[in-house]
Amino acid sequence: MKTVVGVLVAAGLGVTLIVMGAGMVGMFRGGEFNRKYGNVLMRCRVAAQATTVALLALWFFYDDLFT
């Protein structure tokens, strides 16, 4: 189970990085894409980051919680 949570943490880090990169590229380019999707990408990044932090906390405290 701890391995599964570790894989989910790695996936969450990847998702966060991809969403953050897309937001930065859109911000640097500006234009219609940034006006349309800038706020949406920021909210997605915050949600992905919060989920990753929660999974990371679960991964660190897994032994204390389930043994």
PDB file of N, CA and C in Angstrom:
ATOM      1  N   MET A   1       0.832  -1.208   0.000  1.00  0.00           N
ATOM      2  CA  MET A   1       0.000   0.000   0.000  1.00  0.00           C
ATOM      3  C   MET A   1       0.864   1.255   0.000  1.00  0.00           C
ATOM      4  N   LYS A   2       1.959   1.228   0.762  1.00  0.00           N
ATOM      5  CA  LYS A   2       2.820   2.407   0.796  1.00  0.00           C
ATOM      6  C   LYS A   2       3.437   2.654  -0.587  1.00  0.00           C
ATOM      7  N   THR A   3       3.705   1.593  -1.324  1.00  0.00           N
ATOM      8  CA  THR A   3       4.236   1.746  -2.675  1.00  0.00           C
ATOM      9  C   THR A   3       3.207   2.414  -3.588  1.00  0.00           C
ATOM     10  N   VAL A   4       1.952   2.053  -3.435  1.00  0.00           N
ATOM     11  CA  VAL A   4       0.883   2.662  -4.243  1.00  0.00           C
ATOM     12  C   VAL A   4       0.795   4.156  -3.946  1.00  0.00           C
ATOM     13  N   VAL A   5       0.866   4.516  -2.668  1.00  0.00           N
ATOM     14  CA  VAL A   5       0.806   5.934  -2.301  1.00  0.00           C
ATOM     15  C   VAL A   5       2.036   6.659  -2.847  1.00  0.00           C
ATOM     16  N   GLY A   6       3.190   6.008  -2.819  1.00  0.00           N
ATOM     17  CA  GLY A   6       4.395   6.607  -3.382  1.00  0.00           C
ATOM     18  C   GLY A   6       4.269   6.864  -4.873  1.00  0.00           C
ATOM     19  N   VAL A   7       3.675   5.931  -5.592  1.00  0.00           N
ATOM     20  CA  VAL A   7       3.452   6.116  -7.030  1.00  0.00           C
ATOM     21  C   VAL A   7       2.463   7.257  -7.262  1.00  0.00           C
ATOM     22  N   LEU A   8       1.423   7.344  -6.432  1.00  0.00           N
ATOM     23  CA  LEU A   8       0.453   8.438  -6.562  1.00  0.00           C
ATOM     24  C   LEU A   8       1.106   9.792  -6.262  1.00  0.00           C
ATOM     25  N   VAL A   9       2.029   9.825  -5.310  1.00  0.00           N
ATOM     26  CA  VAL A   9       2.761  11.067  -5.025  1.00  0.00           C
ATOM     27  C   VAL A   9       3.575  11.482  -6.248  1.00  0.00           C
ATOM     28  N   ALA A  10       4.271  10.532  -6.854  1.00  0.00           N
ATOM     29  CA  ALA A  10       5.060  10.833  -8.046  1.00  0.00           C
ATOM     30  C   ALA A  10       4.167  11.315  -9.193  1.00  0.00           C
ATOM     31  N   ALA A  11       3.019  10.675  -9.363  1.00  0.00           N
ATOM     32  CA  ALA A  11       2.085  11.101 -10.408  1.00  0.00           C
ATOM     33  C   ALA A  11       1.546  12.500 -10.114  1.00  0.00           C
ATOM     34  N   GLY A  12       1.248  12.766  -8.845  1.00  0.00           N
ATOM     35  CA  GLY A  12       0.766  14.093  -8.466  1.00  0.00           C
ATOM     36  C   GLY A  12       1.801  15.174  -8.719  1.00  0.00           C
ATOM     37  N   LEU A  13       3.071  14.850  -8.447  1.00  0.00           N
ATOM     38  CA  LEU A  13       4.135  15.807  -8.740  1.00  0.00           C
ATOM     39  C   LEU A  13       4.221  16.086 -10.235  1.00  0.00           C
ATOM     40  N   GLY A  14       4.070  15.036 -11.031  1.00  0.00           N
ATOM     41  CA  GLY A  14       4.102  15.217 -12.477  1.00  0.00           C
ATOM     42  C   GLY A  14       2.941  16.052 -12.991  1.00  0.00           C
ATOM     43  N   VAL A  15       1.752  15.778 -12.474  1.00  0.00           N
ATOM     44  CA  VAL A  15       0.566  16.547 -12.880  1.00  0.00           C
ATOM     45  C   VAL A  15       0.722  18.009 -12.492  1.00  0.00           C
ATOM     46  N   THR A  16       1.210  18.239 -11.278  1.00  0.00           N
ATOM     47  CA  THR A  16       1.413  19.616 -10.823  1.00  0.00           C
ATOM     48  C   THR A  16       2.410  20.341 -11.722  1.00  0.00           C
ATOM     49  N   LEU A  17       3.493  19.657 -12.069  1.00  0.00           N
ATOM     50  CA  LEU A  17       4.505  20.256 -12.929  1.00  0.00           C
ATOM     51  C   LEU A  17       3.955  20.570 -14.316  1.00  0.00           C
ATOM     52  N   ILE A  18       3.171  19.663 -14.868  1.00  0.00           N
ATOM     53  CA  ILE A  18       2.603  19.878 -16.206  1.00  0.00           C
ATOM     54  C   ILE A  18       1.625  21.047 -16.203  1.00  0.00           C
ATOM     55  N   VAL A  19       0.748  21.096 -15.203  1.00  0.00           N
ATOM     56  CA  VAL A  19      -0.235  22.187 -15.143  1.00  0.00           C
ATOM     57  C   VAL A  19       0.463  23.524 -14.913  1.00  0.00           C
ATOM     58  N   MET A  20       1.483  23.518 -14.043  1.00  0.00           N
ATOM     59  CA  MET A  20       2.219  24.756 -13.793  1.00  0.00           C
ATOM     60  C   MET A  20       2.953  25.216 -15.045  1.00  0.00           C
ATOM     61  N   GLY A  21       3.542  24.273 -15.771  1.00  0.00           N
ATOM     62  CA  GLY A  21       4.230  24.619 -17.014  1.00  0.00           C
ATOM     63  C   GLY A  21       3.281  25.182 -18.055  1.00  0.00           C
ATOM     64  N   ALA A  22       2.106  24.564 -18.180  1.00  0.00           N
ATOM     65  CA  ALA A  22       1.120  25.068 -19.142  1.00  0.00           C
ATOM     66  C   ALA A  22       0.668  26.477 -18.764  1.00  0.00           C
ATOM     67  N   GLY A  23       0.486  26.715 -17.476  1.00  0.00           N
ATOM     68  CA  GLY A  23       0.087  28.047 -17.031  1.00  0.00           C
ATOM     69  C   GLY A  23       1.159  29.085 -17.281  1.00  0.00           C
ATOM     70  N   MET A  24       2.415  28.711 -17.056  1.00  0.00           N
ATOM     71  CA  MET A  24       3.514  29.656 -17.289  1.00  0.00           C
ATOM     72  C   MET A  24       3.679  29.974 -18.766  1.00  0.00           C
ATOM     73  N   VAL A  25       3.565  28.947 -19.611  1.00  0.00           N
ATOM     74  CA  VAL A  25       3.673  29.182 -21.052  1.00  0.00           C
ATOM     75  C   VAL A  25       2.537  30.085 -21.517  1.00  0.00           C
ATOM     76  N   GLY A  26       1.335  29.822 -21.040  1.00  0.00           N
ATOM     77  CA  GLY A  26       0.202  30.667 -21.405  1.00  0.00           C
ATOM     78  C   GLY A  26       0.359  32.090 -20.914  1.00  0.00           C
ATOM     79  N   MET A  27       0.914  32.251 -19.712  1.00  0.00           N
ATOM     80  CA  MET A  27       1.107  33.587 -19.164  1.00  0.00           C
ATOM     81  C   MET A  27       2.158  34.355 -19.970  1.00  0.00           C
ATOM     82  N   PHE A  28       3.247  33.678 -20.343  1.00  0.00           N
ATOM     83  CA  PHE A  28       4.298  34.357 -21.103  1.00  0.00           C
ATOM     84  C   PHE A  28       3.834  34.712 -22.510  1.00  0.00           C
ATOM     85  N   ARG A  29       3.021  33.856 -23.105  1.00  0.00           N
ATOM     86  CA  ARG A  29       2.507  34.151 -24.436  1.00  0.00           C
ATOM     87  C   ARG A  29       1.422  35.218 -24.401  1.00  0.00           C
ATOM     88  N   GLY A  30       0.631  35.211 -23.333  1.00  0.00           N
ATOM     89  CA  GLY A  30      -0.456  36.181 -23.221  1.00  0.00           C
ATOM     90  C   GLY A  30      -1.558  35.878 -24.224  1.00  0.00           C
ATOM     91  N   GLY A  31      -2.305  36.891 -24.553  1.00  0.00           N
ATOM     92  CA  GLY A  31      -3.330  36.738 -25.577  1.00  0.00           C
ATOM     93  C   GLY A  31      -4.601  36.074 -25.073  1.00  0.00           C
ATOM     94  N   GLU A  32      -5.346  35.546 -26.022  1.00  0.00           N
ATOM     95  CA  GLU A  32      -6.661  34.973 -25.748  1.00  0.00           C
ATOM     96  C   GLU A  32      -6.576  33.722 -24.876  1.00  0.00           C
ATOM     97  N   PHE A  33      -5.563  32.875 -25.106  1.00  0.00           N
ATOM     98  CA  PHE A  33      -5.432  31.656 -24.313  1.00  0.00           C
ATOM     99  C   PHE A  33      -5.274  31.991 -22.837  1.00  0.00           C
ATOM    100  N   ASN A  34      -4.439  32.962 -22.520  1.00  0.00           N
ATOM    101  CA  ASN A  34      -4.219  33.329 -21.119  1.00  0.00           C
ATOM    102  C   ASN A  34      -5.481  33.925 -20.501  1.00  0.00           C
ATOM    103  N   ARG A  35      -6.198  34.735 -21.240  1.00  0.00           N
ATOM    104  CA  ARG A  35      -7.437  35.311 -20.709  1.00  0.00           C
ATOM    105  C   ARG A  35      -8.486  34.236 -20.463  1.00  0.00           C
ATOM    106  N   LYS A  36      -8.511  33.233 -21.336  1.00  0.00           N
ATOM    107  CA  LYS A  36      -9.537  32.203 -21.241  1.00  0.00           C
ATOM    108  C   LYS A  36      -9.193  31.131 -20.210  1.00  0.00           C
ATOM    109  N   TYR A  37      -7.931  30.707 -20.143  1.00  0.00           N
ATOM    110  CA  TYR A  37      -7.562  29.554 -19.329  1.00  0.00           C
ATOM    111  C   TYR A  37      -6.610  29.860 -18.175  1.00  0.00           C
ATOM    112  N   GLY A  38      -6.150  31.081 -18.017  1.00  0.00           N
ATOM    113  CA  GLY A  38      -5.178  31.400 -16.974  1.00  0.00           C
ATOM    114  C   GLY A  38      -5.690  31.085 -15.580  1.00  0.00           C
ATOM    115  N   ASN A  39      -6.890  31.532 -15.257  1.00  0.00           N
ATOM    116  CA  ASN A  39      -7.456  31.303 -13.930  1.00  0.00           C
ATOM    117  C   ASN A  39      -7.801  29.831 -13.713  1.00  0.00           C
ATOM    118  N   VAL A  40      -8.258  29.175 -14.752  1.00  0.00           N
ATOM    119  CA  VAL A  40      -8.602  27.752 -14.653  1.00  0.00           C
ATOM    120  C   VAL A  40      -7.348  26.931 -14.373  1.00  0.00           C
ATOM    121  N   LEU A  41      -6.260  27.236 -15.070  1.00  0.00           N
ATOM    122  CA  LEU A  41      -5.012  26.511 -14.847  1.00  0.00           C
ATOM    123  C   LEU A  41      -4.472  26.768 -13.447  1.00  0.00           C
ATOM    124  N   MET A  42      -4.631  27.980 -12.933  1.00  0.00           N
ATOM    125  CA  MET A  42      -4.179  28.283 -11.573  1.00  0.00           C
ATOM    126  C   MET A  42      -4.966  27.454 -10.558  1.00  0.00           C
ATOM    127  N   ARG A  43      -6.269  27.353 -10.743  1.00  0.00           N
ATOM    128  CA  ARG A  43      -7.091  26.558  -9.818  1.00  0.00           C
ATOM    129  C   ARG A  43      -6.741  25.075  -9.907  1.00  0.00           C
ATOM    130  N   CYS A  44      -6.499  24.591 -11.113  1.00  0.00           N
ATOM    131  CA  CYS A  44      -6.102  23.187 -11.276  1.00  0.00           C
ATOM    132  C   CYS A  44      -4.760  22.928 -10.615  1.00  0.00           C
ATOM    133  N   ARG A  45      -3.833  23.863 -10.732  1.00  0.00           N
ATOM    134  CA  ARG A  45      -2.534  23.704 -10.095  1.00  0.00           C
ATOM    135  C   ARG A  45      -2.664  23.646  -8.589  1.00  0.00           C
ATOM    136  N   VAL A  46      -3.479  24.525  -8.024  1.00  0.00           N
ATOM    137  CA  VAL A  46      -3.669  24.534  -6.576  1.00  0.00           C
ATOM    138  C   VAL A  46      -4.301  23.223  -6.111  1.00  0.00           C
ATOM    139  N   ALA A  47      -5.282  22.718  -6.844  1.00  0.00           N
ATOM    140  CA  ALA A  47      -5.915  21.449  -6.475  1.00  0.00           C
ATOM    141  C   ALA A  47      -4.938  20.287  -6.580  1.00  0.00           C
ATOM    142  N   ALA A  48      -4.157  20.250  -7.653  1.00  0.00           N
ATOM    143  CA  ALA A  48      -3.173  19.177  -7.817  1.00  0.00           C
ATOM    144  C   ALA A  48      -2.097  19.256  -6.739  1.00  0.00           C
ATOM    145  N   GLN A  49      -1.681  20.451  -6.405  1.00  0.00           N
ATOM    146  CA  GLN A  49      -0.656  20.629  -5.386  1.00  0.00           C
ATOM    147  C   GLN A  49      -1.187  20.227  -4.008  1.00  0.00           C
ATOM    148  N   ALA A  50      -2.396  20.588  -3.686  1.00  0.00           N
ATOM    149  CA  ALA A  50      -2.977  20.223  -2.390  1.00  0.00           C
ATOM    150  C   ALA A  50      -3.141  18.714  -2.276  1.00  0.00           C
ATOM    151  N   THR A  51      -3.581  18.080  -3.363  1.00  0.00           N
ATOM    152  CA  THR A  51      -3.728  16.629  -3.363  1.00  0.00           C
ATOM    153  C   THR A  51      -2.376  15.952  -3.188  1.00  0.00           C
ATOM    154  N   THR A  52      -1.359  16.465  -3.853  1.00  0.00           N
ATOM    155  CA  THR A  52      -0.020  15.898  -3.739  1.00  0.00           C
ATOM    156  C   THR A  52       0.529  16.049  -2.327  1.00  0.00           C
ATOM    157  N   VAL A  53       0.317  17.185  -1.709  1.00  0.00           N
ATOM    158  CA  VAL A  53       0.786  17.395  -0.338  1.00  0.00           C
ATOM    159  C   VAL A  53       0.064  16.456   0.629  1.00  0.00           C
ATOM    160  N   ALA A  54      -1.237  16.255   0.430  1.00  0.00           N
ATOM    161  CA  ALA A  54      -1.986  15.331   1.287  1.00  0.00           C
ATOM    162  C   ALA A  54      -1.486  13.894   1.113  1.00  0.00           C
ATOM    163  N   LEU A  55      -1.231  13.483  -0.126  1.00  0.00           N
ATOM    164  CA  LEU A  55      -0.692  12.151  -0.373  1.00  0.00           C
ATOM    165  C   LEU A  55       0.710  12.002   0.205  1.00  0.00           C
ATOM    166  N   LEU A  56       1.501  13.048   0.120  1.00  0.00           N
ATOM    167  CA  LEU A  56       2.852  13.014   0.681  1.00  0.00           C
ATOM    168  C   LEU A  56       2.802  12.869   2.196  1.00  0.00           C
ATOM    169  N   ALA A  57       1.888  13.560   2.838  1.00  0.00           N
ATOM    170  CA  ALA A  57       1.726  13.422   4.288  1.00  0.00           C
ATOM    171  C   ALA A  57       1.281  12.002   4.634  1.00  0.00           C
ATOM    172  N   LEU A  58       0.359  11.443   3.857  1.00  0.00           N
ATOM    173  CA  LEU A  58      -0.074  10.068   4.081  1.00  0.00           C
ATOM    174  C   LEU A  58       1.088   9.101   3.904  1.00  0.00           C
ATOM    175  N   TRP A  59       1.925   9.354   2.911  1.00  0.00           N
ATOM    176  CA  TRP A  59       3.071   8.491   2.656  1.00  0.00           C
ATOM    177  C   TRP A  59       4.066   8.526   3.821  1.00  0.00           C
ATOM    178  N   PHE A  60       4.316   9.721   4.367  1.00  0.00           N
ATOM    179  CA  PHE A  60       5.250   9.849   5.489  1.00  0.00           C
ATOM    180  C   PHE A  60       4.717   9.192   6.752  1.00  0.00           C
ATOM    181  N   PHE A  61       3.421   9.355   7.010  1.00  0.00           N
ATOM    182  CA  PHE A  61       2.847   8.862   8.255  1.00  0.00           C
ATOM    183  C   PHE A  61       2.142   7.523   8.094  1.00  0.00           C
ATOM    184  N   TYR A  62       2.350   6.829   7.007  1.00  0.00           N
ATOM    185  CA  TYR A  62       1.670   5.568   6.722  1.00  0.00           C
ATOM    186  C   TYR A  62       1.912   4.528   7.813  1.00  0.00           C
ATOM    187  N   ASP A  63       3.164   4.359   8.222  1.00  0.00           N
ATOM    188  CA  ASP A  63       3.488   3.346   9.232  1.00  0.00           C
ATOM    189  C   ASP A  63       2.812   3.631  10.563  1.00  0.00           C
ATOM    190  N   ASP A  64       2.731   4.898  10.949  1.00  0.00           N
ATOM    191  CA  ASP A  64       2.085   5.250  12.218  1.00  0.00           C
ATOM    192  C   ASP A  64       0.570   5.064  12.161  1.00  0.00           C
ATOM    193  N   LEU A  65      -0.019   5.250  10.989  1.00  0.00           N
ATOM    194  CA  LEU A  65      -1.473   5.177  10.882  1.00  0.00           C
ATOM    195  C   LEU A  65      -1.986   3.747  10.753  1.00  0.00           C
ATOM    196  N   PHE A  66      -1.272   2.900  10.037  1.00  0.00           N
ATOM    197  CA  PHE A  66      -1.828   1.599   9.682  1.00  0.00           C
ATOM    198  C   PHE A  66      -1.105   0.410  10.309  1.00  0.00           C
ATOM    199  N   THR A  67      -0.285   0.638  11.323  1.00  0.00           N
ATOM    200  CA  THR A  67       0.369  -0.507  11.980  1.00  0.00           C
ATOM    201  C   THR A  67       0.065  -0.495  13.459  1.00  0.00           C
TER     202      THR A  67
END
